[in-house]
Amino acid sequence: MKRSPSIPIIAVIIGGMNIFSGPLTVGAISEPACTVPFDLAANGYVEEEFLATGTACGYDVIGDESADGHWECAATDDTAPFRTRVLVRRPADPDRFSGVLLVEWLNVSGGFDTDPDWAFCHEEIFRAGHAYAAVSAQAVGVVGGIAILNLSGEPTPGLLGSDPVRYGSVSHAGDRFSFEMFRQIGEALREATDVLGNLRPGVVLAIGESQSAHYLTTFINAVHRLSPVFDGYFVHSRGAGVAPLSGEPIDSPSVEVGVRIRTDDTAPVLVLEAEGDLVGPLACRLARQPDAGRLRWWEMAGTSHADSYLIGPAAALLGCDWRINEGPHRFIAQAALHALVRWVTEGTPPPSAARIEFTSDDRPAIARDEAGIAIGGVRTPAVDVPVVVLSGEAPPGTGTRLGWLVGSTTPLPAADLARRYGDEEGYRRAYEASLDQAIQAGFLLPAHREELLAQAGGVSFPPVSVRS
């Protein structure tokens, strides 16, 4: 293999193959797209980028691809070479390392790499001292192509086209091979201490959100039992369907039926769903399954798939001219990650959560209280002591403008606030009691308490108009 003389080689031998090269020093890192600001250095973290090189096989289901996820699978004879990037963020001080490595399957729904689980959870990663590796697992992120959310109508360049000097050697033969690429990289990272700054992880968890969660669902059902590389999985905001092993786009038949995650003799899996994920195009209610010995399923009332925290000013670029969801998604996501880590490292399962309720008519819809707030699900002060109505669904008439993606936030009338709480002091007392209850239940973290109390302290009630 030819390489640039400017790239020092660190070799990890897996089956006689050199996996990692780097860190890359030519040009600058093409950071996964993220609108959430963070400061690695201020939190004692460093960032480096490597290339992973190998040959990947495909996988096929033997027999039926059943809806319960209990597939019989085998590796195939068709293979393809790959070279992709792995971005590492880790504590600079080895004494801060928790021993846990999180490996995110980067999301490419927009046609380029994004790291939504890092965005939602980086505060907990910093607090805990976890190491993190982001993997460009799918072809569109590496060599470009047409995205699922293709707003421009034009192919995207991928890493290869965005910076040919830095990424000119990357290659990807298609998403059929993405599962084995991810498996090989996860396996290699266990031993690649130089890639991790001489840190040796004791626990390696796979994480992924949205489209990436579809791929992780397939990975669990098809690959994990053949090669249990990962110690646990954070499956975040999946839809009802799965990513086909063929590498074709996520198919509508699996979405219409719903495919569950296998729970027989697998690593712990925590599924985290926003309220908005249960309806609309994702329709994850069709894949619901009960908690089991190795599975927990949380549904977050008052949250949307993407929200004001995750996409911020990008909402306007998506044509969203209303107040999008401002719910507690990131706080619950961090609590979920914390619970999964504890489950894997200590054997303590996460709490079970009530499911969001649905109407029982021919066209099921989320059941809502008189204010319009979802009933059931993971409860937080944002929905139990509300000053706004948080919904995973957008206002009527916005569905064609990605309203299903970003939800909505609607202020409650002043008279309603006065009726509920009396005054601001009454509101804050109720809020604090609800917050402590959610922390005790494990759906929020003690580390969140001060910030959330400060948010409540900043709420002021508008005056109630009085008619003479």
Foldseek 3Di string as FASTA:
>chain_A
DDDDPQKAQDAFADPNDGFKIHQFDPDDDPDADFPFDDDLVVLQKDKTKIKTKDKFFFKDFDPDCDQALQTDMDTDPDIDIWIWMKMKIFHPDLVQALLEEEEEAFDCQALEGHDLLCLLAVVLCSVNRYMYMYTPLFDSQAQWAAHNPRPPPDIDGHPCRVDCVRRVPGDDPANLRSLRVSLVVLQRLQPSCVVRVNRHHPAYEYEYAELSLLAVQNSQSYPCVVPVSHQEYERELAAQFHQDSVRDGTDPVSRVQGHEHHDPPHHAYEYEHEQLCCDDPRVRVNHDDDDDPRYAYFYAWLFASDECSTQPPCLVVLVDPAHFGPDDVSQLSNLSVVQSVCCRPPVDHADHFWDFDWDDDPDIDFDADPQRTIPGTQDACCRVLHQWHRHNADPPPCVVSVRSGTGHIGGDALVVNCVVQVALVSSLVVRLVRHVVSCVSSSGDPVCNVVVSVVSVPDHGDDDDDDD
